[in-house]
Amino acid sequence: MPDHATSTNPQVQRQLDRLWALGPGADVLGLSRITALLDRIGNPHRNLPPVLHVAGTNGKGSTCAFLRAAVEAAGRSAHVYSSPHLVRFNERIRLAGQLIDDATLASLLEQVLDAGGDIGASFFEVTTAAAFLAFARTPADACIIEVGLGGRLDATNVIPAPAPAACAIAQLGIDHQAFLGDTAEAIAGEKAGIAKPGVPLVTMTYSDSVTARIAQVAAAANAPVHARGTAWDFTVTPDRLLYRDAQGEVATPLPTLAGPHQPANLALAIATLRHQRALAIPDRAFASAATAARWPARMQRLTPGPLHARLPAGAEIWLDGGHNEAAAQSVSATLAQVANGRPAHLILGMLSNKDATGLLAPFVPLAASFTAVPVPGHAHHDPADLAATARTLGITSTRIAPDVPTALASLQTAEAPLVLILGSLYLAGEVLRENDELLD
């Protein structure tokens, strides 16, 4: 199903309506359509600045945020391509540090759609082609590209060697089984498919079997692997991250991004930049990146806004788009730190193809109440079914609500409640919109 996207700009909306009408290429992985589409618009992917290409199940977006922050702290500019968007479609394409403006976005989408109307390209393939066209036309020092789904057959994986300065794989887990396989090893093999001949592939710590599968794919691609524990590593003190590799040690503040998993994402970004040679990034830039990186809807504390008005004074609302078991382990650990013994109230909406039990289980010891909501504009778990799952897991106080504002209103009798809204980046986007938190 294509991503839900609307715009207040009529020219952009006209092109988004055309995107919504796409059918034949939707939800089918492969590189033939994107290759044909790019060929018709002049193959812009062959004319990009040095690329940092990031795959993973969880943490790839945060890693990209740290990469961007480090590149910019070094006084350089970076394009960024990420997905999905939260509030505005423009969030997917950042040109030399700035979100793409409506006029440029509308023109690019129109050009790509006009050129490839008979190819049957998907929503994501058209968006990827438009991003590459924008990146090729706008000067920048680097190009940070987040994989959409998988890696090997993802539309972003058409970038030829030696354009990638480095490739990286963040945390891995079980997700998108219908496309990537039912085992951790199969999924890892698909993610490792971004490996390119002679291009550093920087990886984290995984199980032995997953590590072996990544090494096998990398060897077949003739890509050198730089793995945590062998090529690089890090430790965390109460107030510092200490990164080390063959070049020496780098010390940074702990990341501003919340969560015990974020130091690993920062370290992966540092390792990625220190194992490539296209961009000179001084060590001081990594310290700046630790505190400057922003990545909305990843354990984000909402600022005072319309949603807070539905809760008593002193309430905290936290937001996370995590939607699988691996994310739940990290987010629940962060919630435990934030709560510090206080009861937490969960509000959950999930797409229908996600594992509700796997996501919810780590939160059971923390949950004082649970409210299930729909995910507007997307096929989602029935809230009644989610509530039943929560009760089966041992959360006794459960309810359903038609939307997040109503769910929050039901907590008015709680004293300074601590609320976590989670389960879907699409739901997170609706929450940010409801709270008047636009992204720039």
Protein backbone atom coordinates (compact mmCIF):
# COMPACT_ATOMS: atom_id res chain seq x y z
CA MET A 1 0.00 0.00 0.00
CA PRO A 2 1.49 3.41 -0.89
CA ASP A 3 2.26 5.82 1.91
CA HIS A 4 -0.52 8.20 2.86
CA ALA A 5 0.52 11.68 1.70
CA THR A 6 -1.28 15.01 1.46
CA SER A 7 -0.11 18.59 0.99
CA THR A 8 -1.60 22.02 1.52
CA ASN A 9 0.12 23.10 -1.71
CA PRO A 10 -2.20 22.43 -4.69
CA GLN A 11 0.68 21.79 -7.12
CA VAL A 12 2.25 19.22 -4.82
CA GLN A 13 -1.14 17.65 -4.07
CA ARG A 14 -1.81 17.25 -7.79
CA GLN A 15 1.34 15.16 -8.12
CA LEU A 16 0.64 13.24 -4.90
CA ASP A 17 -2.77 12.33 -6.31
CA ARG A 18 -0.97 10.90 -9.34
CA LEU A 19 1.32 8.97 -7.00
CA TRP A 20 -1.68 7.51 -5.18
CA ALA A 21 -3.03 6.25 -8.50
CA LEU A 22 0.02 4.09 -9.15
CA GLY A 23 -0.71 0.41 -9.06
CA PRO A 24 1.34 -2.14 -11.02
CA GLY A 25 4.65 -1.63 -9.25
CA ALA A 26 3.28 -1.32 -5.74
CA ASP A 27 4.61 -3.66 -3.04
CA VAL A 28 6.84 -5.62 -5.45
CA LEU A 29 10.54 -5.39 -4.74
CA GLY A 30 13.00 -5.29 -7.62
CA LEU A 31 15.35 -2.98 -9.49
CA SER A 32 14.06 -3.26 -13.05
CA ARG A 33 11.41 -0.52 -12.81
CA ILE A 34 13.55 2.00 -10.93
CA THR A 35 16.41 1.36 -13.37
CA ALA A 36 14.16 1.99 -16.37
CA LEU A 37 12.68 5.08 -14.73
CA LEU A 38 16.07 6.58 -13.91
CA ASP A 39 17.27 5.92 -17.43
CA ARG A 40 14.42 8.03 -18.81
CA ILE A 41 15.35 11.01 -16.65
CA GLY A 42 19.07 10.94 -17.41
CA ASN A 43 20.35 8.50 -14.74
CA PRO A 44 20.83 11.09 -11.98
CA HIS A 45 21.94 8.36 -9.55
CA ARG A 46 25.25 8.25 -11.43
CA ASN A 47 25.96 11.89 -10.61
CA LEU A 48 25.61 12.10 -6.83
CA PRO A 49 28.03 13.39 -4.19
CA PRO A 50 29.71 10.71 -2.03
CA VAL A 51 26.94 8.48 -0.69
CA LEU A 52 26.51 7.08 2.83
CA HIS A 53 23.99 4.24 2.41
CA VAL A 54 22.32 2.89 5.56
CA ALA A 55 20.20 -0.26 5.99
CA GLY A 56 18.81 -1.99 9.08
CA THR A 57 15.62 -3.03 10.83
CA ASN A 58 15.78 -0.41 13.59
CA GLY A 59 18.06 2.55 14.13
CA LYS A 60 18.89 3.33 10.52
CA GLY A 61 17.01 6.64 10.65
CA SER A 62 18.77 7.68 13.86
CA THR A 63 22.11 6.66 12.35
CA CYS A 64 21.37 8.87 9.34
CA ALA A 65 20.51 11.74 11.70
CA PHE A 66 23.89 11.38 13.43
CA LEU A 67 25.64 11.18 10.06
CA ARG A 68 24.00 14.38 8.89
CA ALA A 69 24.80 16.16 12.16
CA ALA A 70 28.47 15.13 11.93
CA VAL A 71 28.81 16.17 8.28
CA GLU A 72 27.24 19.54 9.01
CA ALA A 73 29.32 20.03 12.16
CA ALA A 74 32.37 19.61 9.92
CA GLY A 75 31.16 22.60 7.89
CA ARG A 76 29.94 20.51 4.99
CA SER A 77 26.49 20.10 3.42
CA ALA A 78 24.48 16.91 3.01
CA HIS A 79 21.49 15.74 1.04
CA VAL A 80 19.29 13.29 2.95
CA TYR A 81 16.70 10.81 1.65
CA SER A 82 14.57 9.09 4.30
CA SER A 83 11.15 7.50 4.70
CA PRO A 84 8.41 7.56 5.64
CA HIS A 85 7.53 11.17 6.30
CA LEU A 86 5.73 12.08 9.49
CA VAL A 87 3.82 15.30 8.82
CA ARG A 88 4.83 16.59 5.37
CA PHE A 89 5.92 14.62 2.32
CA ASN A 90 8.78 17.15 1.93
CA GLU A 91 10.52 15.56 4.93
CA ARG A 92 11.70 12.72 2.69
CA ILE A 93 14.02 14.91 0.63
CA ARG A 94 16.49 17.30 2.26
CA LEU A 95 18.63 19.33 -0.15
CA ALA A 96 21.99 20.52 1.21
CA GLY A 97 20.48 20.70 4.69
CA GLN A 98 17.05 22.17 3.89
CA LEU A 99 13.74 20.40 3.33
CA ILE A 100 12.78 20.53 -0.32
CA ASP A 101 10.38 23.40 -1.05
CA ASP A 102 6.93 22.82 -2.51
CA ALA A 103 7.62 24.32 -5.94
CA THR A 104 10.74 22.19 -6.49
CA LEU A 105 9.03 19.07 -5.16
CA ALA A 106 5.99 19.49 -7.41
CA SER A 107 8.18 20.06 -10.47
CA LEU A 108 10.37 17.01 -9.78
CA LEU A 109 7.44 14.67 -9.16
CA GLU A 110 5.77 15.90 -12.33
CA GLN A 111 8.91 15.30 -14.39
CA VAL A 112 9.36 11.77 -13.05
CA LEU A 113 5.70 10.83 -13.40
CA ASP A 114 5.53 12.22 -16.93
CA ALA A 115 8.65 10.31 -17.93
CA GLY A 116 7.69 6.96 -16.45
CA GLY A 117 3.93 6.73 -16.61
CA ASP A 118 3.97 3.44 -18.53
CA ILE A 119 6.68 1.71 -16.46
CA GLY A 120 4.43 0.79 -13.54
CA ALA A 121 6.81 2.22 -10.96
CA SER A 122 5.69 2.21 -7.33
CA PHE A 123 5.11 5.14 -4.99
CA PHE A 124 8.54 4.63 -3.40
CA GLU A 125 10.32 4.18 -6.73
CA VAL A 126 8.94 7.46 -8.10
CA THR A 127 9.87 9.24 -4.88
CA THR A 128 13.39 7.77 -5.01
CA ALA A 129 13.86 8.87 -8.62
CA ALA A 130 12.68 12.39 -7.75
CA ALA A 131 15.12 12.52 -4.83
CA PHE A 132 18.05 11.40 -6.98
CA LEU A 133 17.14 13.98 -9.62
CA ALA A 134 17.09 16.70 -6.96
CA PHE A 135 20.40 15.54 -5.48
CA ALA A 136 22.13 15.47 -8.87
CA ARG A 137 21.01 19.04 -9.63
CA THR A 138 21.89 20.60 -6.27
CA PRO A 139 25.51 20.87 -5.06
CA ALA A 140 26.37 19.20 -1.74
CA ASP A 141 29.34 17.48 -0.15
CA ALA A 142 27.60 14.25 0.82
CA CYS A 143 24.44 12.26 0.21
CA ILE A 144 22.91 10.26 3.09
CA ILE A 145 20.44 7.66 1.89
CA GLU A 146 18.26 5.51 4.13
CA VAL A 147 17.16 2.19 2.67
CA GLY A 148 13.38 1.92 2.40
CA LEU A 149 12.79 -1.83 2.68
CA GLY A 150 15.42 -4.54 2.86
CA GLY A 151 18.45 -3.58 0.83
CA ARG A 152 19.29 -5.91 -2.03
CA LEU A 153 16.14 -5.11 -4.02
CA ASP A 154 15.33 -1.73 -2.49
CA ALA A 155 14.96 1.10 -5.01
CA THR A 156 17.85 2.98 -3.37
CA ASN A 157 20.23 0.13 -4.21
CA VAL A 158 20.73 1.20 -7.82
CA ILE A 159 23.59 3.52 -6.83
CA PRO A 160 26.64 2.07 -8.57
CA ALA A 161 30.10 1.59 -7.10
CA PRO A 162 32.17 3.55 -6.36
CA ALA A 163 29.54 6.25 -5.59
CA PRO A 164 28.94 4.96 -2.03
CA ALA A 165 31.71 6.21 0.22
CA ALA A 166 30.50 3.70 2.81
CA CYS A 167 27.57 1.42 3.54
CA ALA A 168 26.29 0.64 7.03
CA ILE A 169 23.89 -1.81 8.64
CA ALA A 170 22.19 -0.80 11.88
CA GLN A 171 20.33 -3.03 14.33
CA LEU A 172 18.70 -6.08 12.77
CA GLY A 173 15.49 -7.88 13.71
CA ILE A 174 12.45 -9.65 12.28
CA ASP A 175 10.26 -7.39 10.17
CA HIS A 176 8.66 -7.29 6.71
CA GLN A 177 8.77 -11.10 6.50
CA ALA A 178 6.53 -11.17 3.43
CA PHE A 179 9.28 -9.40 1.50
CA LEU A 180 12.53 -10.33 3.23
CA GLY A 181 12.13 -13.86 4.61
CA ASP A 182 11.09 -15.49 7.87
CA THR A 183 14.49 -15.89 9.54
CA ALA A 184 16.99 -13.45 10.96
CA GLU A 185 19.62 -14.84 8.61
CA ALA A 186 17.47 -14.35 5.51
CA ILE A 187 16.63 -10.79 6.51
CA ALA A 188 20.29 -10.05 7.23
CA GLY A 189 21.22 -11.33 3.79
CA GLU A 190 18.75 -8.95 2.18
CA LYS A 191 20.00 -5.99 4.23
CA ALA A 192 23.61 -6.82 3.38
CA GLY A 193 22.67 -6.65 -0.28
CA ILE A 194 23.68 -2.97 -0.25
CA ALA A 195 27.35 -4.10 -0.19
CA LYS A 196 29.40 -2.83 -3.14
CA PRO A 197 32.82 -3.87 -4.48
CA GLY A 198 35.59 -2.14 -2.58
CA VAL A 199 33.18 -0.05 -0.49
CA PRO A 200 33.45 -0.33 3.33
CA LEU A 201 30.49 -2.14 4.90
CA VAL A 202 30.26 -1.08 8.55
CA THR A 203 28.24 -3.33 10.84
CA MET A 204 27.18 -3.75 14.46
CA THR A 205 27.17 -6.83 16.72
CA TYR A 206 24.74 -9.59 15.77
CA SER A 207 24.31 -13.29 16.46
CA ASP A 208 26.96 -15.62 15.05
CA SER A 209 24.67 -16.91 12.31
CA VAL A 210 23.60 -13.41 11.24
CA THR A 211 27.22 -12.21 11.28
CA ALA A 212 28.19 -15.16 9.10
CA ARG A 213 25.43 -14.43 6.60
CA ILE A 214 26.45 -10.78 6.30
CA ALA A 215 30.07 -11.81 5.80
CA GLN A 216 29.00 -14.26 3.08
CA VAL A 217 27.05 -11.62 1.16
CA ALA A 218 29.83 -9.05 1.57
CA ALA A 219 32.45 -11.50 0.34
CA ALA A 220 30.38 -12.26 -2.75
CA ALA A 221 30.23 -8.51 -3.43
CA ASN A 222 33.94 -8.08 -2.67
CA ALA A 223 33.09 -5.54 0.03
CA PRO A 224 35.36 -5.21 3.10
CA VAL A 225 33.45 -5.61 6.39
CA HIS A 226 34.29 -3.39 9.36
CA ALA A 227 32.40 -4.96 12.25
CA ARG A 228 31.94 -3.80 15.81
CA GLY A 229 34.15 -5.85 18.08
CA THR A 230 36.87 -6.35 15.49
CA ALA A 231 37.35 -3.15 13.46
CA TRP A 232 35.76 -0.78 15.98
CA ASP A 233 34.01 -0.68 19.33
CA PHE A 234 32.70 1.68 21.98
CA THR A 235 31.89 1.88 25.67
CA VAL A 236 29.52 4.15 27.58
CA THR A 237 30.25 5.91 30.86
CA PRO A 238 27.67 7.87 32.86
CA ASP A 239 28.32 10.96 30.77
CA ARG A 240 30.46 9.99 27.76
CA LEU A 241 30.66 7.71 24.76
CA LEU A 242 34.17 6.39 24.14
CA TYR A 243 34.65 5.17 20.57
CA ARG A 244 37.82 3.43 19.40
CA ASP A 245 39.25 1.91 16.24
CA ALA A 246 42.67 1.47 14.64
CA GLN A 247 42.97 5.23 14.17
CA GLY A 248 42.55 5.93 17.87
CA GLU A 249 39.85 6.98 20.32
CA VAL A 250 37.06 9.56 20.08
CA ALA A 251 35.12 10.82 23.11
CA THR A 252 31.72 12.44 22.77
CA PRO A 253 28.88 13.48 25.08
CA LEU A 254 26.06 11.00 25.34
CA PRO A 255 23.44 11.50 22.61
CA THR A 256 20.63 13.94 23.21
CA LEU A 257 18.30 11.48 21.47
CA ALA A 258 16.62 9.52 24.25
CA GLY A 259 17.24 5.84 24.82
CA PRO A 260 19.99 3.42 25.84
CA HIS A 261 20.18 2.24 22.21
CA GLN A 262 21.18 5.64 20.81
CA PRO A 263 24.87 5.47 21.80
CA ALA A 264 25.18 2.43 19.52
CA ASN A 265 23.61 4.35 16.63
CA LEU A 266 25.98 7.27 17.24
CA ALA A 267 28.95 4.91 17.36
CA LEU A 268 27.85 3.30 14.10
CA ALA A 269 27.70 6.73 12.46
CA ILE A 270 31.19 7.55 13.76
CA ALA A 271 32.53 4.21 12.52
CA THR A 272 30.93 4.74 9.11
CA LEU A 273 32.56 8.13 8.67
CA ARG A 274 35.95 6.99 10.01
CA HIS A 275 36.08 4.01 7.65
CA GLN A 276 35.54 6.03 4.46
CA ARG A 277 37.92 8.32 2.61
CA ALA A 278 35.71 10.60 0.48
CA LEU A 279 34.90 13.05 3.29
CA ALA A 280 37.30 14.47 5.86
CA ILE A 281 35.39 14.69 9.14
CA PRO A 282 37.34 15.95 12.19
CA ASP A 283 36.83 14.30 15.56
CA ARG A 284 35.28 17.48 17.01
CA ALA A 285 32.34 17.02 14.60
CA PHE A 286 31.36 13.76 16.31
CA ALA A 287 31.05 15.48 19.67
CA SER A 288 28.78 18.08 18.09
CA ALA A 289 26.72 15.38 16.36
CA ALA A 290 25.96 13.69 19.67
CA THR A 291 23.99 16.68 20.90
CA ALA A 292 22.86 18.24 17.61
CA ALA A 293 21.15 15.24 15.98
CA ARG A 294 17.36 15.30 15.89
CA TRP A 295 15.12 12.44 14.79
CA PRO A 296 11.41 12.99 15.50
CA ALA A 297 9.08 10.26 16.77
CA ARG A 298 11.88 8.23 18.28
CA MET A 299 11.27 8.54 22.03
CA GLN A 300 10.43 12.19 21.48
CA ARG A 301 8.94 14.16 24.34
CA LEU A 302 6.17 16.33 22.92
CA THR A 303 6.28 20.03 23.60
CA PRO A 304 3.25 21.78 25.16
CA GLY A 305 0.48 21.87 22.57
CA PRO A 306 -3.16 20.99 21.90
CA LEU A 307 -2.71 17.39 23.02
CA HIS A 308 -1.33 18.43 26.40
CA ALA A 309 -4.50 20.46 26.96
CA ARG A 310 -6.38 17.17 27.27
CA LEU A 311 -4.30 16.08 30.27
CA PRO A 312 -3.78 17.37 33.83
CA ALA A 313 -0.91 19.72 34.64
CA GLY A 314 2.47 18.07 34.83
CA ALA A 315 1.66 15.36 32.29
CA GLU A 316 4.35 14.05 29.97
CA ILE A 317 3.61 12.73 26.48
CA TRP A 318 6.28 10.67 24.75
CA LEU A 319 6.08 9.46 21.16
CA ASP A 320 7.78 6.60 19.34
CA GLY A 321 7.07 5.07 15.96
CA GLY A 322 8.59 1.69 16.83
CA HIS A 323 6.56 -1.20 15.46
CA ASN A 324 8.46 -4.45 16.00
CA GLU A 325 9.86 -6.53 18.85
CA ALA A 326 13.43 -5.30 18.50
CA ALA A 327 12.26 -1.68 18.71
CA ALA A 328 10.07 -2.54 21.68
CA GLN A 329 13.05 -3.84 23.66
CA SER A 330 14.89 -0.54 23.20
CA VAL A 331 11.87 1.71 23.72
CA SER A 332 10.68 -0.13 26.84
CA ALA A 333 14.15 0.24 28.36
CA THR A 334 14.01 3.97 27.64
CA LEU A 335 10.50 4.21 29.09
CA ALA A 336 11.67 2.50 32.28
CA GLN A 337 14.38 5.17 32.64
CA VAL A 338 11.95 8.00 31.93
CA ALA A 339 9.26 6.63 34.24
CA ASN A 340 11.66 6.05 37.16
CA GLY A 341 9.01 4.04 38.97
CA ARG A 342 5.99 6.08 37.86
CA PRO A 343 3.07 4.27 36.19
CA ALA A 344 3.00 4.58 32.40
CA HIS A 345 -0.08 4.76 30.21
CA LEU A 346 0.27 3.25 26.72
CA ILE A 347 -1.63 4.35 23.61
CA LEU A 348 -1.06 2.00 20.68
CA GLY A 349 -2.03 1.86 17.02
CA MET A 350 -0.43 -0.68 14.65
CA LEU A 351 -0.54 -1.58 10.99
CA SER A 352 -2.24 -4.91 10.35
CA ASN A 353 0.97 -6.61 9.13
CA LYS A 354 2.84 -6.00 12.42
CA ASP A 355 3.22 -8.36 15.40
CA ALA A 356 1.21 -6.85 18.26
CA THR A 357 2.25 -9.45 20.84
CA GLY A 358 5.95 -9.03 20.09
CA LEU A 359 5.68 -5.26 20.41
CA LEU A 360 3.57 -5.19 23.57
CA ALA A 361 5.23 -7.88 25.68
CA PRO A 362 8.23 -5.79 26.88
CA PHE A 363 5.90 -3.03 28.10
CA VAL A 364 3.69 -5.19 30.31
CA PRO A 365 5.63 -4.57 33.56
CA LEU A 366 5.48 -0.80 32.95
CA ALA A 367 1.87 -0.35 31.82
CA ALA A 368 -0.69 1.07 34.23
CA SER A 369 -3.23 1.25 31.41
CA PHE A 370 -3.53 0.52 27.72
CA THR A 371 -5.63 2.24 25.06
CA ALA A 372 -5.84 0.97 21.48
CA VAL A 373 -6.55 3.32 18.56
CA PRO A 374 -6.77 3.00 14.76
CA VAL A 375 -4.08 4.26 12.35
CA PRO A 376 -5.87 6.71 10.04
CA GLY A 377 -5.59 6.03 6.33
CA HIS A 378 -3.93 2.62 6.68
CA ALA A 379 -4.90 -1.01 7.15
CA HIS A 380 -4.48 -1.52 10.90
CA HIS A 381 -5.14 -3.93 13.74
CA ASP A 382 -8.68 -3.64 15.07
CA PRO A 383 -8.37 -1.71 18.36
CA ALA A 384 -10.60 -4.29 20.05
CA ASP A 385 -8.16 -7.03 19.04
CA LEU A 386 -5.21 -5.02 20.34
CA ALA A 387 -6.98 -4.51 23.66
CA ALA A 388 -7.64 -8.25 23.86
CA THR A 389 -3.98 -8.96 23.19
CA ALA A 390 -2.99 -6.56 25.98
CA ARG A 391 -5.32 -8.32 28.42
CA THR A 392 -3.93 -11.72 27.43
CA LEU A 393 -0.44 -10.45 28.19
CA GLY A 394 -1.54 -9.27 31.64
CA ILE A 395 -2.45 -5.58 31.25
CA THR A 396 -5.75 -5.43 33.11
CA SER A 397 -6.80 -1.83 32.47
CA THR A 398 -7.58 -1.66 28.74
CA ARG A 399 -9.85 0.43 26.57
CA ILE A 400 -10.31 1.46 22.95
CA ALA A 401 -10.67 4.94 21.49
CA PRO A 402 -11.42 6.34 18.03
CA ASP A 403 -8.31 8.53 18.03
CA VAL A 404 -5.39 9.74 20.14
CA PRO A 405 -7.08 12.95 21.46
CA THR A 406 -9.96 10.87 22.79
CA ALA A 407 -7.54 8.37 24.30
CA LEU A 408 -5.73 11.19 26.10
CA ALA A 409 -8.98 12.67 27.35
CA SER A 410 -9.75 9.36 29.07
CA LEU A 411 -6.65 9.89 31.26
CA GLN A 412 -7.82 13.20 32.73
CA THR A 413 -8.40 11.65 36.13
CA ALA A 414 -4.83 10.36 36.36
CA GLU A 415 -2.44 12.51 38.39
CA ALA A 416 0.25 14.02 36.10
CA PRO A 417 0.18 10.97 33.82
CA LEU A 418 3.18 9.70 31.88
CA VAL A 419 1.93 8.68 28.42
CA LEU A 420 3.71 6.80 25.63
CA ILE A 421 2.11 6.76 22.17
CA LEU A 422 3.65 4.09 19.95
CA GLY A 423 3.23 1.43 17.28
CA SER A 424 3.41 3.24 13.93
CA LEU A 425 5.30 6.08 12.29
CA TYR A 426 2.10 6.94 10.45
CA LEU A 427 0.28 7.30 13.76
CA ALA A 428 3.23 9.34 15.05
CA GLY A 429 2.79 11.74 12.15
CA GLU A 430 -0.85 12.25 13.06
CA VAL A 431 0.14 12.93 16.66
CA LEU A 432 2.72 15.54 15.66
CA ARG A 433 0.14 17.20 13.42
CA GLU A 434 -2.45 17.20 16.21
CA ASN A 435 0.08 18.79 18.56
CA ASP A 436 1.07 21.48 15.98
CA GLU A 437 4.65 20.20 15.80
CA LEU A 438 5.77 20.77 12.22
CA LEU A 439 9.21 19.55 11.15
CA ASP A 440 11.83 21.70 9.45
